[in-house]
């Protein structure tokens, strides 16, 4: 089975500024990261396909990503952005699917982690938009922080017709070593059958340069126990992962963690490709 990276980004500062990269702690990422860069490091990590995920709340970025996927041998799907609250959302989703490369659109994501309203996902207009995402046959990626998980749990329960994917395990507080209440909330979310999760972004939550597999192990074990390998998928979060190490290094660490957890080769294949292929319909 082809190894799949279920979560990475790209950006070109000459075509679209990235204001979130202008802080001192993000300075090393304030440069271009283009597809050829990603393809080279992905090949080194023996990754054969990927899911390209939106960076900015910008529909034009999504259109550009779709067009890029259409001419790429690496990108197998795109998770884009659309305004969930717009009344003509079905038309917008249809326009994205009908644009060049639109057949690669597999999901929608919003930067919920940046919303000051912890219950943003529970808003009526947001739920209405999520129903339209489901009607379009798309997945919804959940980008939330631990304190936003209660609203995410309610939303997943309220919309059983929609397939959700939790990004970055909701960014657990690994640097502080805390497991609760994150672990209990993740287990509640995973109890709903219409949600999967990405084993991604955790190295950057561990203090960036101050981590190893043993630091991440308790959090990965919670995710494996909660979701199982059939609902867990590997993601690099490249190039953000470069704050904590290379893509090949994170890939190798993830493999070590899965093997140490006692996963069979077939279960490891599910995390490194099978789950993402099924959830994002990568064979279509």
Protein backbone atom coordinates (compact mmCIF):
# COMPACT_ATOMS: atom_id res chain seq x y z
CA UNK A 1 0.00 0.00 0.00
CA UNK A 2 1.19 3.53 -0.79
CA UNK A 3 2.13 5.53 2.29
CA UNK A 4 -0.10 8.58 2.59
CA UNK A 5 0.61 11.85 4.35
CA UNK A 6 -2.90 12.97 5.32
CA UNK A 7 -1.98 16.53 6.27
CA UNK A 8 0.47 19.02 4.81
CA UNK A 9 0.50 22.62 3.60
CA UNK A 10 2.13 24.76 0.92
CA UNK A 11 2.55 28.50 0.50
CA UNK A 12 4.18 31.01 -1.80
CA UNK A 13 4.65 34.40 -0.13
CA UNK A 14 4.87 36.18 -3.48
CA UNK A 15 1.30 35.20 -4.34
CA UNK A 16 -0.28 35.19 -0.88
CA UNK A 17 1.17 36.71 2.33
CA UNK A 18 1.02 34.62 5.51
CA UNK A 19 0.54 37.08 8.41
CA UNK A 20 0.59 34.27 10.97
CA UNK A 21 4.25 33.63 10.14
CA UNK A 22 5.48 37.11 11.07
CA UNK A 23 5.94 36.41 14.80
CA UNK A 24 9.46 35.68 16.11
CA UNK A 25 8.67 32.04 16.96
CA UNK A 26 7.51 31.39 13.38
CA UNK A 27 10.30 33.31 11.65
CA UNK A 28 12.01 30.17 10.31
CA UNK A 29 8.86 29.33 8.33
CA UNK A 30 8.45 32.80 6.83
CA UNK A 31 9.58 31.75 3.37
CA UNK A 32 8.18 29.85 0.41
CA UNK A 33 7.31 26.17 0.75
CA UNK A 34 6.27 24.86 -2.64
CA UNK A 35 5.26 21.49 -4.04
CA UNK A 36 8.72 20.54 -5.29
CA UNK A 37 10.11 21.11 -1.79
CA UNK A 38 7.44 18.89 -0.30
CA UNK A 39 7.77 16.18 -2.93
CA UNK A 40 11.50 15.84 -2.27
CA UNK A 41 11.19 15.40 1.49
CA UNK A 42 8.11 13.19 1.14
CA UNK A 43 10.03 10.87 -1.19
CA UNK A 44 12.81 10.65 1.38
CA UNK A 45 10.19 9.57 3.93
CA UNK A 46 8.79 7.02 1.44
CA UNK A 47 5.46 8.84 1.15
CA UNK A 48 3.73 8.32 -2.17
CA UNK A 49 0.59 10.45 -1.84
CA UNK A 50 -0.71 13.31 0.21
CA UNK A 51 -3.67 15.41 1.32
CA UNK A 52 -3.01 19.14 0.85
CA UNK A 53 -4.82 21.19 3.50
CA UNK A 54 -5.88 24.84 3.40
CA UNK A 55 -3.79 27.41 5.22
CA UNK A 56 -5.84 30.61 4.99
CA UNK A 57 -9.59 31.34 4.98
CA UNK A 58 -9.40 32.17 1.30
CA UNK A 59 -11.43 30.43 -1.40
CA UNK A 60 -8.92 31.51 -4.05
CA UNK A 61 -6.20 29.59 -2.21
CA UNK A 62 -8.43 26.52 -2.39
CA UNK A 63 -8.87 26.98 -6.13
CA UNK A 64 -5.11 27.24 -6.56
CA UNK A 65 -4.56 24.09 -4.50
CA UNK A 66 -7.08 22.18 -6.61
CA UNK A 67 -5.40 23.26 -9.84
CA UNK A 68 -2.04 22.25 -8.34
CA UNK A 69 -3.38 18.81 -7.40
CA UNK A 70 -4.54 18.28 -10.98
CA UNK A 71 -0.99 18.58 -12.28
CA UNK A 72 0.76 16.89 -9.35
CA UNK A 73 1.85 13.28 -9.01
CA UNK A 74 1.96 13.63 -5.22
CA UNK A 75 -1.19 15.44 -4.08
CA UNK A 76 -4.10 12.99 -4.06
CA UNK A 77 -6.71 15.21 -2.39
CA UNK A 78 -7.36 18.73 -1.13
CA UNK A 79 -9.07 19.89 2.04
CA UNK A 80 -10.08 23.44 1.19
CA UNK A 81 -11.87 26.36 2.79
CA UNK A 82 -15.34 27.80 2.32
CA UNK A 83 -17.37 30.16 4.46
CA UNK A 84 -19.76 27.85 6.28
CA UNK A 85 -22.06 30.73 7.20
CA UNK A 86 -22.76 32.01 3.68
CA UNK A 87 -26.36 31.34 2.57
CA UNK A 88 -25.22 30.27 -0.90
CA UNK A 89 -22.71 27.72 0.38
CA UNK A 90 -24.06 24.92 -1.85
CA UNK A 91 -23.32 27.09 -4.89
CA UNK A 92 -19.82 27.87 -3.61
CA UNK A 93 -19.06 24.19 -2.98
CA UNK A 94 -20.39 23.39 -6.44
CA UNK A 95 -18.19 26.09 -7.96
CA UNK A 96 -15.11 24.71 -6.19
CA UNK A 97 -15.88 21.18 -7.37
CA UNK A 98 -16.41 22.49 -10.89
CA UNK A 99 -13.18 24.49 -11.02
CA UNK A 100 -9.96 23.10 -12.56
CA UNK A 101 -8.88 20.18 -10.38
CA UNK A 102 -12.20 20.27 -8.54
CA UNK A 103 -12.38 16.50 -8.58
CA UNK A 104 -9.61 16.53 -5.94
CA UNK A 105 -11.75 18.39 -3.40
CA UNK A 106 -12.41 15.95 -0.58
CA UNK A 107 -13.01 18.14 2.45
CA UNK A 108 -13.51 21.56 4.00
CA UNK A 109 -11.79 23.11 7.01
CA UNK A 110 -12.12 26.30 9.02
CA UNK A 111 -9.56 27.68 11.49
CA UNK A 112 -11.85 27.09 14.47
CA UNK A 113 -8.84 27.19 16.81
CA UNK A 114 -8.65 30.94 16.17
CA UNK A 115 -12.31 31.66 16.91
CA UNK A 116 -12.79 33.52 20.23
CA UNK A 117 -16.20 31.90 20.67
CA UNK A 118 -15.46 28.48 22.17
CA UNK A 119 -18.88 27.31 20.94
CA UNK A 120 -18.48 28.55 17.37
CA UNK A 121 -19.21 25.07 16.04
CA UNK A 122 -22.55 25.07 17.85
CA UNK A 123 -23.87 28.18 16.08
CA UNK A 124 -26.99 27.55 14.01
CA UNK A 125 -25.52 29.06 10.85
CA UNK A 126 -22.35 26.97 11.21
CA UNK A 127 -24.32 23.75 11.72
CA UNK A 128 -26.40 24.62 8.65
CA UNK A 129 -23.20 25.00 6.66
CA UNK A 130 -21.84 21.70 7.93
CA UNK A 131 -25.02 19.99 6.73
CA UNK A 132 -24.30 21.39 3.27
CA UNK A 133 -20.76 20.00 3.45
CA UNK A 134 -22.27 16.59 4.17
CA UNK A 135 -24.78 16.98 1.33
CA UNK A 136 -21.89 17.70 -1.04
CA UNK A 137 -20.26 14.41 -0.05
CA UNK A 138 -17.28 16.11 1.58
CA UNK A 139 -15.43 15.52 4.86
CA UNK A 140 -15.04 18.21 7.50
CA UNK A 141 -11.64 18.62 9.19
CA UNK A 142 -11.90 19.74 12.82
CA UNK A 143 -9.11 22.15 13.77
CA UNK A 144 -9.81 22.77 17.45
CA UNK A 145 -7.97 23.23 20.72
CA UNK A 146 -8.73 21.15 23.85
CA UNK A 147 -11.07 23.77 25.34
CA UNK A 148 -13.13 23.67 22.13
CA UNK A 149 -13.63 19.90 22.22
CA UNK A 150 -16.97 20.00 24.12
CA UNK A 151 -18.58 21.97 21.27
CA UNK A 152 -16.92 19.64 18.75
CA UNK A 153 -18.37 16.60 20.52
CA UNK A 154 -21.86 18.12 20.47
CA UNK A 155 -21.50 18.97 16.79
CA UNK A 156 -20.32 15.51 15.78
CA UNK A 157 -23.27 13.99 17.65
CA UNK A 158 -25.71 16.42 16.05
CA UNK A 159 -24.52 15.65 12.51
CA UNK A 160 -24.20 11.86 12.17
CA UNK A 161 -24.45 12.20 8.38
CA UNK A 162 -21.15 14.12 8.19
CA UNK A 163 -17.71 12.51 8.36
CA UNK A 164 -15.35 14.47 10.63
CA UNK A 165 -11.56 14.27 10.93
CA UNK A 166 -9.84 15.67 14.03
CA UNK A 167 -6.64 17.49 13.09
CA UNK A 168 -3.52 17.23 15.26
CA UNK A 169 -5.40 15.32 18.00
CA UNK A 170 -6.80 18.74 19.07
CA UNK A 171 -3.28 19.90 19.99
CA UNK A 172 -2.86 18.29 23.43
CA UNK A 173 -0.74 20.11 26.04
CA UNK A 174 2.27 17.84 25.56
CA UNK A 175 4.86 20.43 26.59
CA UNK A 176 3.32 20.63 30.08
CA UNK A 177 2.87 16.87 30.35
CA UNK A 178 -0.85 17.12 31.11
CA UNK A 179 -3.22 14.46 29.87
CA UNK A 180 -6.49 15.61 31.40
CA UNK A 181 -9.05 16.81 30.54
CA UNK A 182 -7.81 16.38 26.96
CA UNK A 183 -7.72 12.57 27.12
CA UNK A 184 -11.28 12.18 28.42
CA UNK A 185 -12.62 14.65 25.86
CA UNK A 186 -10.85 12.90 22.98
CA UNK A 187 -12.31 9.58 24.10
CA UNK A 188 -15.79 11.12 24.15
CA UNK A 189 -15.27 12.45 20.64
CA UNK A 190 -13.94 9.11 19.41
CA UNK A 191 -17.00 7.33 20.81
CA UNK A 192 -18.93 8.78 17.87
CA UNK A 193 -18.53 6.56 14.78
CA UNK A 194 -18.48 9.44 12.28
CA UNK A 195 -15.14 10.87 13.43
CA UNK A 196 -11.55 9.88 12.66
CA UNK A 197 -8.30 11.61 13.66
CA UNK A 198 -4.89 12.55 12.35
CA UNK A 199 -1.70 11.56 14.13
CA UNK A 200 -0.15 14.89 13.19
CA UNK A 201 1.17 18.09 14.71
CA UNK A 202 2.07 16.50 18.03
CA UNK A 203 5.82 17.03 17.84
CA UNK A 204 5.38 20.80 17.67
CA UNK A 205 3.16 20.63 20.76
CA UNK A 206 5.94 18.90 22.68
CA UNK A 207 8.23 21.89 23.01
CA UNK A 208 9.42 21.78 19.42
CA UNK A 209 13.08 20.83 19.86
CA UNK A 210 12.78 19.26 23.30
CA UNK A 211 11.04 15.97 22.62
CA UNK A 212 11.46 12.31 21.73
CA UNK A 213 9.19 9.34 21.26
CA UNK A 214 8.82 8.78 25.00
CA UNK A 215 7.34 12.27 25.46
CA UNK A 216 4.74 11.67 22.77
CA UNK A 217 3.91 8.07 23.71
CA UNK A 218 1.16 8.73 26.33
CA UNK A 219 -0.76 10.94 23.90
CA UNK A 220 -0.39 8.56 20.98
CA UNK A 221 -1.55 5.69 23.19
CA UNK A 222 -4.69 7.65 24.10
CA UNK A 223 -5.39 8.25 20.40
CA UNK A 224 -4.84 4.60 19.51
CA UNK A 225 -7.04 3.43 22.36
CA UNK A 226 -9.78 5.93 21.47
CA UNK A 227 -9.87 5.68 17.68
CA UNK A 228 -8.06 2.46 16.84
CA UNK A 229 -5.85 2.20 13.75
CA UNK A 230 -8.90 1.96 11.47
CA UNK A 231 -9.83 5.57 12.36
CA UNK A 232 -6.36 7.06 12.77
CA UNK A 233 -4.20 8.42 9.96
CA UNK A 234 -0.64 9.70 9.76
CA UNK A 235 -0.04 13.34 8.87
CA UNK A 236 3.19 15.34 8.74
CA UNK A 237 1.85 18.88 9.15
CA UNK A 238 4.77 19.90 6.92
CA UNK A 239 6.20 22.51 6.85
CA UNK A 240 5.01 23.44 10.36
CA UNK A 241 6.63 20.22 11.60
CA UNK A 242 10.01 21.71 10.71
CA UNK A 243 9.79 23.70 13.94
CA UNK A 244 10.37 20.38 15.71
CA UNK A 245 12.34 18.37 13.14
CA UNK A 246 12.23 17.03 9.60
CA UNK A 247 9.37 15.20 7.92
CA UNK A 248 11.42 11.97 7.63
CA UNK A 249 12.33 12.20 11.33
CA UNK A 250 8.69 12.59 12.38
CA UNK A 251 7.67 9.74 10.06
CA UNK A 252 10.24 7.44 11.65
CA UNK A 253 9.14 8.48 15.15
CA UNK A 254 5.51 7.73 14.29
CA UNK A 255 6.49 4.31 12.98
CA UNK A 256 8.40 3.59 16.17
CA UNK A 257 5.46 4.64 18.34
CA UNK A 258 3.04 2.41 16.42
CA UNK A 259 5.37 -0.57 16.52
CA UNK A 260 6.03 -0.09 20.24
CA UNK A 261 2.26 0.01 20.82
CA UNK A 262 2.04 -3.50 19.39
CA UNK A 263 0.23 -2.70 16.15
CA UNK A 264 0.37 -5.45 13.55
CA UNK A 265 1.80 -4.66 10.10
CA UNK A 266 -1.75 -4.45 8.74
CA UNK A 267 -2.77 -2.01 11.48
CA UNK A 268 0.30 0.12 10.79
CA UNK A 269 -0.62 0.15 7.11
CA UNK A 270 -4.05 1.45 8.06
CA UNK A 271 -2.54 4.42 9.90
CA UNK A 272 -0.04 5.09 7.12
CA UNK A 273 -2.47 4.88 4.26
CA UNK A 274 -5.57 2.77 4.58
CA UNK A 275 -7.57 5.09 6.82
CA UNK A 276 -6.81 8.20 4.77
CA UNK A 277 -7.57 6.35 1.53
CA UNK A 278 -10.98 5.31 2.86
CA UNK A 279 -11.98 8.56 4.58
CA UNK A 280 -10.86 10.89 1.77
CA UNK A 281 -11.83 8.48 -1.07
CA UNK A 282 -8.35 8.66 -2.52
CA UNK A 283 -8.94 5.84 -5.01
CA UNK A 284 -11.71 7.74 -6.83
